[in-house]
Amino acid sequence: MSFIVNALISAILGVVSSIFTNKYFIEKSQKARSHSEVLNKESLKQWIHKINDILEWDKNIRYQYSHETDAILPNVPIGLNHIPHNQSLISHMESGYKKEWNVWNGLEKDVKKYFEEKVSILELIRYKLREKSKSFESFEYYHKPGAEQPLNFVDPIRIAETTFREIERRLAGFEIEWFAENFKVDFFMNGDLKVWVVPSSSGSLVNDTDKEKAEFIHLFLTTLVRSHDLQDKISSLINEKKKIDIQLTEFREALRKISSTIDLGNNIKGKCEYCP
């Protein structure tokens, strides 16, 4: 009799244990699924979307002058570390998608190196301008938000960026005549004063009541865009950017595949401190 009772008790305990065990695993599975869906929606998909913008990264960046360091700097952080992915997703990428994560880290280094090299080219142009204009009284001017623009000035950053873009345009095969037609010494009247200018799409490269200074900037710009040294440096940088863009596109597709597998019901690979 006691044998039957013990067997019944054992069976009942087994059923109860099985129910609680199943419940535990179901709840854990549901939490894991919810965790994956949240990471996919709030971080992974946002990361993918941001890469679409990054592929236009160099077009949207402008450069500014730092008085503290006497140097030209980009107006946004250099690198890709401002992309919206949180620490939880990073942990999953590091532990579950090591190959993809290593590619991303490599891209961060490549983008940082690209900007450092571009800044060095812009600084080289600014240095050449400073050396060539020593015969003039110092007339460099760097725009500040809200600051009043002087009547007479030369803007080294605009000159550097304009030179870079024009060489980039020529390397892409666009006609040289466009430069001659769009960068001419011109003037406007400021009261009774005739102010000579070399205009550009981003504003005047030089404003001066002395026509000789405007003509000097025009000649300087015309000479620079023909510089073989600058052409070689910028050509090399363009090739580096093309490689980065290809890698970024491939990385974006890898992220899309990860996101799609989660959309189809699979959980994100790897672990993080918030994993159930």
C-alpha atoms as a PDB file:
ATOM      1  CA  MET A   1       0.000   0.000   0.000  1.00  0.00           C
ATOM      2  CA  SER A   2       2.774   2.388   1.005  1.00  0.00           C
ATOM      3  CA  PHE A   3       4.536   1.582  -2.269  1.00  0.00           C
ATOM      4  CA  ILE A   4       1.491   2.731  -4.261  1.00  0.00           C
ATOM      5  CA  VAL A   5       1.184   5.904  -2.181  1.00  0.00           C
ATOM      6  CA  ASN A   6       4.843   6.721  -2.667  1.00  0.00           C
ATOM      7  CA  ALA A   7       4.524   6.122  -6.385  1.00  0.00           C
ATOM      8  CA  LEU A   8       1.508   8.425  -6.573  1.00  0.00           C
ATOM      9  CA  ILE A   9       3.277  11.112  -4.582  1.00  0.00           C
ATOM     10  CA  SER A  10       6.344  10.800  -6.789  1.00  0.00           C
ATOM     11  CA  ALA A  11       4.223  11.041  -9.936  1.00  0.00           C
ATOM     12  CA  ILE A  12       2.356  14.084  -8.622  1.00  0.00           C
ATOM     13  CA  LEU A  13       5.619  15.789  -7.649  1.00  0.00           C
ATOM     14  CA  GLY A  14       7.008  15.009 -11.087  1.00  0.00           C
ATOM     15  CA  VAL A  15       3.990  16.571 -12.787  1.00  0.00           C
ATOM     16  CA  VAL A  16       4.146  19.649 -10.550  1.00  0.00           C
ATOM     17  CA  SER A  17       7.906  19.962 -11.110  1.00  0.00           C
ATOM     18  CA  SER A  18       7.403  19.604 -14.849  1.00  0.00           C
ATOM     19  CA  ILE A  19       4.719  22.318 -14.863  1.00  0.00           C
ATOM     20  CA  PHE A  20       6.950  24.775 -12.989  1.00  0.00           C
ATOM     21  CA  THR A  21       9.973  23.862 -15.076  1.00  0.00           C
ATOM     22  CA  ASN A  22       8.039  24.362 -18.307  1.00  0.00           C
ATOM     23  CA  LYS A  23       6.644  27.629 -16.996  1.00  0.00           C
ATOM     24  CA  TYR A  24      10.169  28.806 -16.129  1.00  0.00           C
ATOM     25  CA  PHE A  25      11.529  28.000 -19.581  1.00  0.00           C
ATOM     26  CA  ILE A  26       8.503  29.534 -21.303  1.00  0.00           C
ATOM     27  CA  GLU A  27       8.909  32.758 -19.336  1.00  0.00           C
ATOM     28  CA  LYS A  28      12.638  32.781 -19.996  1.00  0.00           C
ATOM     29  CA  SER A  29      12.023  32.213 -23.696  1.00  0.00           C
ATOM     30  CA  GLN A  30       9.460  35.028 -23.788  1.00  0.00           C
ATOM     31  CA  LYS A  31      11.868  37.395 -22.037  1.00  0.00           C
ATOM     32  CA  ALA A  32      14.663  36.458 -24.447  1.00  0.00           C
ATOM     33  CA  ARG A  33      12.344  37.075 -27.366  1.00  0.00           C
ATOM     34  CA  SER A  34      11.233  40.443 -25.995  1.00  0.00           C
ATOM     35  CA  HIS A  35      14.872  41.397 -25.330  1.00  0.00           C
ATOM     36  CA  SER A  36      15.814  40.555 -28.922  1.00  0.00           C
ATOM     37  CA  GLU A  37      12.878  42.493 -30.363  1.00  0.00           C
ATOM     38  CA  VAL A  38      13.671  45.598 -28.291  1.00  0.00           C
ATOM     39  CA  LEU A  39      17.355  45.554 -29.301  1.00  0.00           C
ATOM     40  CA  ASN A  40      16.388  45.043 -32.931  1.00  0.00           C
ATOM     41  CA  LYS A  41      13.868  47.877 -33.011  1.00  0.00           C
ATOM     42  CA  GLU A  42      15.550  50.453 -30.781  1.00  0.00           C
ATOM     43  CA  SER A  43      19.219  49.901 -31.607  1.00  0.00           C
ATOM     44  CA  LEU A  44      19.954  47.600 -34.528  1.00  0.00           C
ATOM     45  CA  LYS A  45      17.501  49.120 -37.004  1.00  0.00           C
ATOM     46  CA  GLN A  46      18.552  52.631 -35.932  1.00  0.00           C
ATOM     47  CA  TRP A  47      22.164  51.656 -36.563  1.00  0.00           C
ATOM     48  CA  ILE A  48      21.267  50.473 -40.073  1.00  0.00           C
ATOM     49  CA  HIS A  49      19.360  53.692 -40.763  1.00  0.00           C
ATOM     50  CA  LYS A  50      22.276  55.810 -39.579  1.00  0.00           C
ATOM     51  CA  ILE A  51      24.660  54.046 -41.952  1.00  0.00           C
ATOM     52  CA  ASN A  52      22.509  55.307 -44.834  1.00  0.00           C
ATOM     53  CA  ASP A  53      23.402  58.825 -43.660  1.00  0.00           C
ATOM     54  CA  ILE A  54      27.038  57.936 -43.089  1.00  0.00           C
ATOM     55  CA  LEU A  55      27.406  56.998 -46.749  1.00  0.00           C
ATOM     56  CA  GLU A  56      26.979  60.739 -47.398  1.00  0.00           C
ATOM     57  CA  TRP A  57      29.259  61.551 -44.456  1.00  0.00           C
ATOM     58  CA  ASP A  58      31.929  63.645 -46.131  1.00  0.00           C
ATOM     59  CA  LYS A  59      29.433  65.806 -48.039  1.00  0.00           C
ATOM     60  CA  ASN A  60      27.715  66.940 -44.833  1.00  0.00           C
ATOM     61  CA  ILE A  61      30.816  67.897 -42.872  1.00  0.00           C
ATOM     62  CA  ARG A  62      32.199  71.405 -42.728  1.00  0.00           C
ATOM     63  CA  TYR A  63      35.412  72.584 -41.179  1.00  0.00           C
ATOM     64  CA  GLN A  64      36.087  75.281 -38.629  1.00  0.00           C
ATOM     65  CA  TYR A  65      39.069  77.051 -37.151  1.00  0.00           C
ATOM     66  CA  SER A  66      40.212  76.480 -33.572  1.00  0.00           C
ATOM     67  CA  HIS A  67      41.874  79.560 -32.124  1.00  0.00           C
ATOM     68  CA  GLU A  68      43.124  77.471 -29.195  1.00  0.00           C
ATOM     69  CA  THR A  69      45.122  75.090 -31.370  1.00  0.00           C
ATOM     70  CA  ASP A  70      45.532  77.286 -34.472  1.00  0.00           C
ATOM     71  CA  ALA A  71      44.216  74.403 -36.542  1.00  0.00           C
ATOM     72  CA  ILE A  72      41.336  73.404 -38.812  1.00  0.00           C
ATOM     73  CA  LEU A  73      38.934  70.856 -37.344  1.00  0.00           C
ATOM     74  CA  PRO A  74      35.754  69.097 -38.565  1.00  0.00           C
ATOM     75  CA  ASN A  75      32.553  70.517 -37.056  1.00  0.00           C
ATOM     76  CA  VAL A  76      31.427  67.046 -35.895  1.00  0.00           C
ATOM     77  CA  PRO A  77      33.178  64.267 -33.943  1.00  0.00           C
ATOM     78  CA  ILE A  78      35.705  62.340 -36.015  1.00  0.00           C
ATOM     79  CA  GLY A  79      34.874  58.654 -36.326  1.00  0.00           C
ATOM     80  CA  LEU A  80      31.789  56.476 -36.120  1.00  0.00           C
ATOM     81  CA  ASN A  81      31.461  56.136 -32.340  1.00  0.00           C
ATOM     82  CA  HIS A  82      28.456  58.503 -32.260  1.00  0.00           C
ATOM     83  CA  ILE A  83      26.268  55.893 -33.974  1.00  0.00           C
ATOM     84  CA  PRO A  84      23.173  55.042 -31.864  1.00  0.00           C
ATOM     85  CA  HIS A  85      23.977  51.551 -30.578  1.00  0.00           C
ATOM     86  CA  ASN A  86      23.855  50.892 -26.819  1.00  0.00           C
ATOM     87  CA  GLN A  87      26.144  48.880 -24.591  1.00  0.00           C
ATOM     88  CA  SER A  88      23.769  45.911 -24.552  1.00  0.00           C
ATOM     89  CA  LEU A  89      23.893  45.630 -28.349  1.00  0.00           C
ATOM     90  CA  ILE A  90      27.664  46.095 -28.306  1.00  0.00           C
ATOM     91  CA  SER A  91      27.968  43.148 -25.887  1.00  0.00           C
ATOM     92  CA  HIS A  92      25.864  40.981 -28.221  1.00  0.00           C
ATOM     93  CA  MET A  93      27.965  42.035 -31.226  1.00  0.00           C
ATOM     94  CA  GLU A  94      31.216  41.323 -29.377  1.00  0.00           C
ATOM     95  CA  SER A  95      30.106  37.865 -28.213  1.00  0.00           C
ATOM     96  CA  GLY A  96      27.719  36.738 -30.954  1.00  0.00           C
ATOM     97  CA  TYR A  97      28.913  38.484 -34.122  1.00  0.00           C
ATOM     98  CA  LYS A  98      32.672  38.823 -33.678  1.00  0.00           C
ATOM     99  CA  LYS A  99      33.446  38.994 -37.392  1.00  0.00           C
ATOM    100  CA  GLU A 100      30.993  41.850 -37.985  1.00  0.00           C
ATOM    101  CA  TRP A 101      32.126  43.687 -34.859  1.00  0.00           C
ATOM    102  CA  ASN A 102      35.777  43.513 -35.927  1.00  0.00           C
ATOM    103  CA  VAL A 103      34.815  44.983 -39.302  1.00  0.00           C
ATOM    104  CA  TRP A 104      33.080  47.885 -37.545  1.00  0.00           C
ATOM    105  CA  ASN A 105      36.092  48.580 -35.337  1.00  0.00           C
ATOM    106  CA  GLY A 106      38.286  48.594 -38.432  1.00  0.00           C
ATOM    107  CA  LEU A 107      35.930  51.043 -40.130  1.00  0.00           C
ATOM    108  CA  GLU A 108      36.091  53.393 -37.147  1.00  0.00           C
ATOM    109  CA  LYS A 109      39.875  53.513 -37.441  1.00  0.00           C
ATOM    110  CA  ASP A 110      39.737  54.003 -41.217  1.00  0.00           C
ATOM    111  CA  VAL A 111      37.239  56.877 -40.984  1.00  0.00           C
ATOM    112  CA  LYS A 112      39.286  58.603 -38.295  1.00  0.00           C
ATOM    113  CA  LYS A 113      42.419  58.221 -40.420  1.00  0.00           C
ATOM    114  CA  TYR A 114      40.549  59.606 -43.461  1.00  0.00           C
ATOM    115  CA  PHE A 115      39.554  62.775 -41.631  1.00  0.00           C
ATOM    116  CA  GLU A 116      43.024  63.234 -40.178  1.00  0.00           C
ATOM    117  CA  GLU A 117      44.514  63.036 -43.679  1.00  0.00           C
ATOM    118  CA  LYS A 118      41.910  65.409 -45.112  1.00  0.00           C
ATOM    119  CA  VAL A 119      42.527  67.927 -42.339  1.00  0.00           C
ATOM    120  CA  SER A 120      46.272  67.699 -43.030  1.00  0.00           C
ATOM    121  CA  ILE A 121      45.616  68.582 -46.701  1.00  0.00           C
ATOM    122  CA  LEU A 122      43.409  71.535 -45.729  1.00  0.00           C
ATOM    123  CA  GLU A 123      46.092  72.664 -43.283  1.00  0.00           C
ATOM    124  CA  LEU A 124      48.729  72.359 -46.008  1.00  0.00           C
ATOM    125  CA  ILE A 125      46.684  74.694 -48.234  1.00  0.00           C
ATOM    126  CA  ARG A 126      46.230  77.141 -45.343  1.00  0.00           C
ATOM    127  CA  TYR A 127      49.963  77.045 -44.657  1.00  0.00           C
ATOM    128  CA  LYS A 128      50.766  77.718 -48.325  1.00  0.00           C
ATOM    129  CA  LEU A 129      48.374  80.696 -48.270  1.00  0.00           C
ATOM    130  CA  ARG A 130      49.988  82.078 -45.112  1.00  0.00           C
ATOM    131  CA  GLU A 131      53.467  81.728 -46.592  1.00  0.00           C
ATOM    132  CA  LYS A 132      52.497  83.327 -49.894  1.00  0.00           C
ATOM    133  CA  SER A 133      50.657  86.246 -48.283  1.00  0.00           C
ATOM    134  CA  LYS A 134      53.506  87.348 -46.011  1.00  0.00           C
ATOM    135  CA  SER A 135      54.044  90.391 -48.202  1.00  0.00           C
ATOM    136  CA  PHE A 136      50.542  91.574 -47.255  1.00  0.00           C
ATOM    137  CA  GLU A 137      49.548  92.881 -43.884  1.00  0.00           C
ATOM    138  CA  SER A 138      47.898  89.960 -42.043  1.00  0.00           C
ATOM    139  CA  PHE A 139      44.318  89.732 -43.255  1.00  0.00           C
ATOM    140  CA  GLU A 140      43.159  86.257 -42.269  1.00  0.00           C
ATOM    141  CA  TYR A 141      39.601  86.025 -40.999  1.00  0.00           C
ATOM    142  CA  TYR A 142      37.733  83.042 -39.599  1.00  0.00           C
ATOM    143  CA  HIS A 143      33.972  83.255 -39.420  1.00  0.00           C
ATOM    144  CA  LYS A 144      32.362  82.995 -36.009  1.00  0.00           C
ATOM    145  CA  PRO A 145      28.603  82.587 -35.488  1.00  0.00           C
ATOM    146  CA  GLY A 146      27.119  86.001 -34.741  1.00  0.00           C
ATOM    147  CA  ALA A 147      30.388  87.876 -35.306  1.00  0.00           C
ATOM    148  CA  GLU A 148      30.454  90.928 -37.538  1.00  0.00           C
ATOM    149  CA  GLN A 149      32.336  90.317 -40.757  1.00  0.00           C
ATOM    150  CA  PRO A 150      35.045  92.891 -41.498  1.00  0.00           C
ATOM    151  CA  LEU A 151      35.061  94.739 -44.777  1.00  0.00           C
ATOM    152  CA  ASN A 152      38.493  93.463 -45.769  1.00  0.00           C
ATOM    153  CA  PHE A 153      39.295  89.801 -45.196  1.00  0.00           C
ATOM    154  CA  VAL A 154      40.486  86.509 -46.650  1.00  0.00           C
ATOM    155  CA  ASP A 155      38.922  83.265 -45.459  1.00  0.00           C
ATOM    156  CA  PRO A 156      41.568  80.482 -45.382  1.00  0.00           C
ATOM    157  CA  ILE A 157      39.085  77.700 -44.578  1.00  0.00           C
ATOM    158  CA  ARG A 158      36.852  78.574 -47.526  1.00  0.00           C
ATOM    159  CA  ILE A 159      39.932  78.757 -49.748  1.00  0.00           C
ATOM    160  CA  ALA A 160      41.173  75.381 -48.496  1.00  0.00           C
ATOM    161  CA  GLU A 161      37.775  73.689 -48.927  1.00  0.00           C
ATOM    162  CA  THR A 162      37.207  75.303 -52.334  1.00  0.00           C
ATOM    163  CA  THR A 163      40.633  74.137 -53.541  1.00  0.00           C
ATOM    164  CA  PHE A 164      39.994  70.605 -52.272  1.00  0.00           C
ATOM    165  CA  ARG A 165      36.541  70.400 -53.916  1.00  0.00           C
ATOM    166  CA  GLU A 166      37.808  71.779 -57.222  1.00  0.00           C
ATOM    167  CA  ILE A 167      40.669  69.266 -57.408  1.00  0.00           C
ATOM    168  CA  GLU A 168      38.210  66.519 -56.430  1.00  0.00           C
ATOM    169  CA  ARG A 169      35.878  67.702 -59.207  1.00  0.00           C
ATOM    170  CA  ARG A 170      38.655  67.685 -61.794  1.00  0.00           C
ATOM    171  CA  LEU A 171      39.814  64.217 -60.778  1.00  0.00           C
ATOM    172  CA  ALA A 172      36.232  63.056 -61.344  1.00  0.00           C
ATOM    173  CA  GLY A 173      36.526  64.261 -64.947  1.00  0.00           C
ATOM    174  CA  PHE A 174      34.512  67.475 -64.854  1.00  0.00           C
ATOM    175  CA  GLU A 175      35.444  70.269 -67.246  1.00  0.00           C
ATOM    176  CA  ILE A 176      38.170  72.710 -66.213  1.00  0.00           C
ATOM    177  CA  GLU A 177      36.365  75.620 -67.889  1.00  0.00           C
ATOM    178  CA  TRP A 178      33.775  75.643 -65.072  1.00  0.00           C
ATOM    179  CA  PHE A 179      36.420  76.904 -62.645  1.00  0.00           C
ATOM    180  CA  ALA A 180      37.476  79.795 -64.868  1.00  0.00           C
ATOM    181  CA  GLU A 181      33.847  80.808 -65.371  1.00  0.00           C
ATOM    182  CA  ASN A 182      32.845  80.664 -61.705  1.00  0.00           C
ATOM    183  CA  PHE A 183      35.915  81.985 -59.906  1.00  0.00           C
ATOM    184  CA  LYS A 184      36.556  85.467 -61.210  1.00  0.00           C
ATOM    185  CA  VAL A 185      37.690  88.644 -59.538  1.00  0.00           C
ATOM    186  CA  ASP A 186      34.600  90.797 -59.204  1.00  0.00           C
ATOM    187  CA  PHE A 187      33.512  93.770 -57.114  1.00  0.00           C
ATOM    188  CA  PHE A 188      30.563  95.308 -55.333  1.00  0.00           C
ATOM    189  CA  MET A 189      29.959  98.807 -54.060  1.00  0.00           C
ATOM    190  CA  ASN A 190      29.895  99.513 -50.333  1.00  0.00           C
ATOM    191  CA  GLY A 191      28.814 103.113 -50.265  1.00  0.00           C
ATOM    192  CA  ASP A 192      31.487 104.939 -52.203  1.00  0.00           C
ATOM    193  CA  LEU A 193      33.981 102.091 -51.803  1.00  0.00           C
ATOM    194  CA  LYS A 194      34.613  99.471 -54.446  1.00  0.00           C
ATOM    195  CA  VAL A 195      35.188  96.122 -52.708  1.00  0.00           C
ATOM    196  CA  TRP A 196      36.926  93.433 -54.742  1.00  0.00           C
ATOM    197  CA  VAL A 197      35.927  89.815 -54.218  1.00  0.00           C
ATOM    198  CA  VAL A 198      36.505  86.248 -55.368  1.00  0.00           C
ATOM    199  CA  PRO A 199      33.104  84.597 -54.810  1.00  0.00           C
ATOM    200  CA  SER A 200      32.415  80.922 -54.124  1.00  0.00           C
ATOM    201  CA  SER A 201      29.341  78.795 -53.437  1.00  0.00           C
ATOM    202  CA  SER A 202      30.029  79.043 -49.683  1.00  0.00           C
ATOM    203  CA  GLY A 203      30.698  82.808 -49.668  1.00  0.00           C
ATOM    204  CA  SER A 204      33.500  85.198 -50.530  1.00  0.00           C
ATOM    205  CA  LEU A 205      37.015  83.806 -50.446  1.00  0.00           C
ATOM    206  CA  VAL A 206      38.337  87.341 -50.182  1.00  0.00           C
ATOM    207  CA  ASN A 207      36.845  90.810 -49.778  1.00  0.00           C
ATOM    208  CA  ASP A 208      39.152  93.790 -50.096  1.00  0.00           C
ATOM    209  CA  THR A 209      39.187  97.378 -51.217  1.00  0.00           C
ATOM    210  CA  ASP A 210      42.642  96.605 -52.588  1.00  0.00           C
ATOM    211  CA  LYS A 211      42.175  94.911 -55.957  1.00  0.00           C
ATOM    212  CA  GLU A 212      45.721  93.515 -55.767  1.00  0.00           C
ATOM    213  CA  LYS A 213      44.798  91.296 -52.807  1.00  0.00           C
ATOM    214  CA  ALA A 214      41.765  89.865 -54.597  1.00  0.00           C
ATOM    215  CA  GLU A 215      43.856  89.201 -57.690  1.00  0.00           C
ATOM    216  CA  PHE A 216      46.510  87.564 -55.521  1.00  0.00           C
ATOM    217  CA  ILE A 217      43.934  85.148 -54.033  1.00  0.00           C
ATOM    218  CA  HIS A 218      42.585  84.372 -57.500  1.00  0.00           C
ATOM    219  CA  LEU A 219      46.083  83.597 -58.812  1.00  0.00           C
ATOM    220  CA  PHE A 220      46.890  81.575 -55.688  1.00  0.00           C
ATOM    221  CA  LEU A 221      43.732  79.474 -56.133  1.00  0.00           C
ATOM    222  CA  THR A 222      44.330  78.977 -59.850  1.00  0.00           C
ATOM    223  CA  THR A 223      47.877  77.775 -59.157  1.00  0.00           C
ATOM    224  CA  LEU A 224      46.858  75.452 -56.312  1.00  0.00           C
ATOM    225  CA  VAL A 225      44.211  73.541 -58.252  1.00  0.00           C
ATOM    226  CA  ARG A 226      46.920  72.628 -60.780  1.00  0.00           C
ATOM    227  CA  SER A 227      49.333  71.362 -58.100  1.00  0.00           C
ATOM    228  CA  HIS A 228      50.381  67.770 -58.877  1.00  0.00           C
ATOM    229  CA  ASP A 229      51.314  67.242 -55.234  1.00  0.00           C
ATOM    230  CA  LEU A 230      47.831  68.172 -54.034  1.00  0.00           C
ATOM    231  CA  GLN A 231      46.210  66.197 -56.838  1.00  0.00           C
ATOM    232  CA  ASP A 232      48.140  63.065 -55.799  1.00  0.00           C
ATOM    233  CA  LYS A 233      47.231  63.505 -52.115  1.00  0.00           C
ATOM    234  CA  ILE A 234      43.553  64.086 -52.841  1.00  0.00           C
ATOM    235  CA  SER A 235      43.399  61.249 -55.384  1.00  0.00           C
ATOM    236  CA  SER A 236      44.798  58.859 -52.778  1.00  0.00           C
ATOM    237  CA  LEU A 237      42.229  60.097 -50.237  1.00  0.00           C
ATOM    238  CA  ILE A 238      39.371  59.637 -52.716  1.00  0.00           C
ATOM    239  CA  ASN A 239      40.429  56.024 -53.257  1.00  0.00           C
ATOM    240  CA  GLU A 240      40.487  55.446 -49.495  1.00  0.00           C
ATOM    241  CA  LYS A 241      36.972  56.849 -49.203  1.00  0.00           C
ATOM    242  CA  LYS A 242      35.713  54.525 -51.934  1.00  0.00           C
ATOM    243  CA  LYS A 243      37.084  51.530 -50.022  1.00  0.00           C
ATOM    244  CA  ILE A 244      35.439  52.746 -46.807  1.00  0.00           C
ATOM    245  CA  ASP A 245      32.112  53.247 -48.585  1.00  0.00           C
ATOM    246  CA  ILE A 246      32.220  49.695 -49.969  1.00  0.00           C
ATOM    247  CA  GLN A 247      32.969  48.293 -46.498  1.00  0.00           C
ATOM    248  CA  LEU A 248      30.214  50.400 -44.932  1.00  0.00           C
ATOM    249  CA  THR A 249      27.707  49.131 -47.502  1.00  0.00           C
ATOM    250  CA  GLU A 250      28.740  45.525 -46.867  1.00  0.00           C
ATOM    251  CA  PHE A 251      28.547  46.046 -43.101  1.00  0.00           C
ATOM    252  CA  ARG A 252      25.075  47.562 -43.429  1.00  0.00           C
ATOM    253  CA  GLU A 253      23.941  44.476 -45.351  1.00  0.00           C
ATOM    254  CA  ALA A 254      25.375  42.233 -42.616  1.00  0.00           C
ATOM    255  CA  LEU A 255      23.373  44.169 -40.004  1.00  0.00           C
ATOM    256  CA  ARG A 256      20.242  43.863 -42.157  1.00  0.00           C
ATOM    257  CA  LYS A 257      20.647  40.086 -42.223  1.00  0.00           C
ATOM    258  CA  ILE A 258      20.957  39.997 -38.429  1.00  0.00           C
ATOM    259  CA  SER A 259      17.873  42.194 -38.124  1.00  0.00           C
ATOM    260  CA  SER A 260      15.914  40.043 -40.590  1.00  0.00           C
ATOM    261  CA  THR A 261      16.651  36.836 -38.657  1.00  0.00           C
ATOM    262  CA  ILE A 262      15.253  38.500 -35.528  1.00  0.00           C
ATOM    263  CA  ASP A 263      12.182  39.664 -37.480  1.00  0.00           C
ATOM    264  CA  LEU A 264      11.658  36.037 -38.519  1.00  0.00           C
ATOM    265  CA  GLY A 265      11.520  34.896 -34.903  1.00  0.00           C
ATOM    266  CA  ASN A 266      15.118  34.083 -34.019  1.00  0.00           C
ATOM    267  CA  ASN A 267      16.763  35.575 -30.960  1.00  0.00           C
ATOM    268  CA  ILE A 268      19.845  37.761 -31.169  1.00  0.00           C
ATOM    269  CA  LYS A 269      23.094  35.833 -30.700  1.00  0.00           C
ATOM    270  CA  GLY A 270      25.533  36.469 -27.889  1.00  0.00           C
ATOM    271  CA  LYS A 271      25.053  37.713 -24.368  1.00  0.00           C
ATOM    272  CA  CYS A 272      24.753  40.930 -22.365  1.00  0.00           C
ATOM    273  CA  GLU A 273      24.175  41.796 -18.708  1.00  0.00           C
ATOM    274  CA  TYR A 274      20.422  42.222 -19.352  1.00  0.00           C
ATOM    275  CA  CYS A 275      19.911  38.843 -21.013  1.00  0.00           C
ATOM    276  CA  PRO A 276      17.292  36.701 -19.211  1.00  0.00           C
END
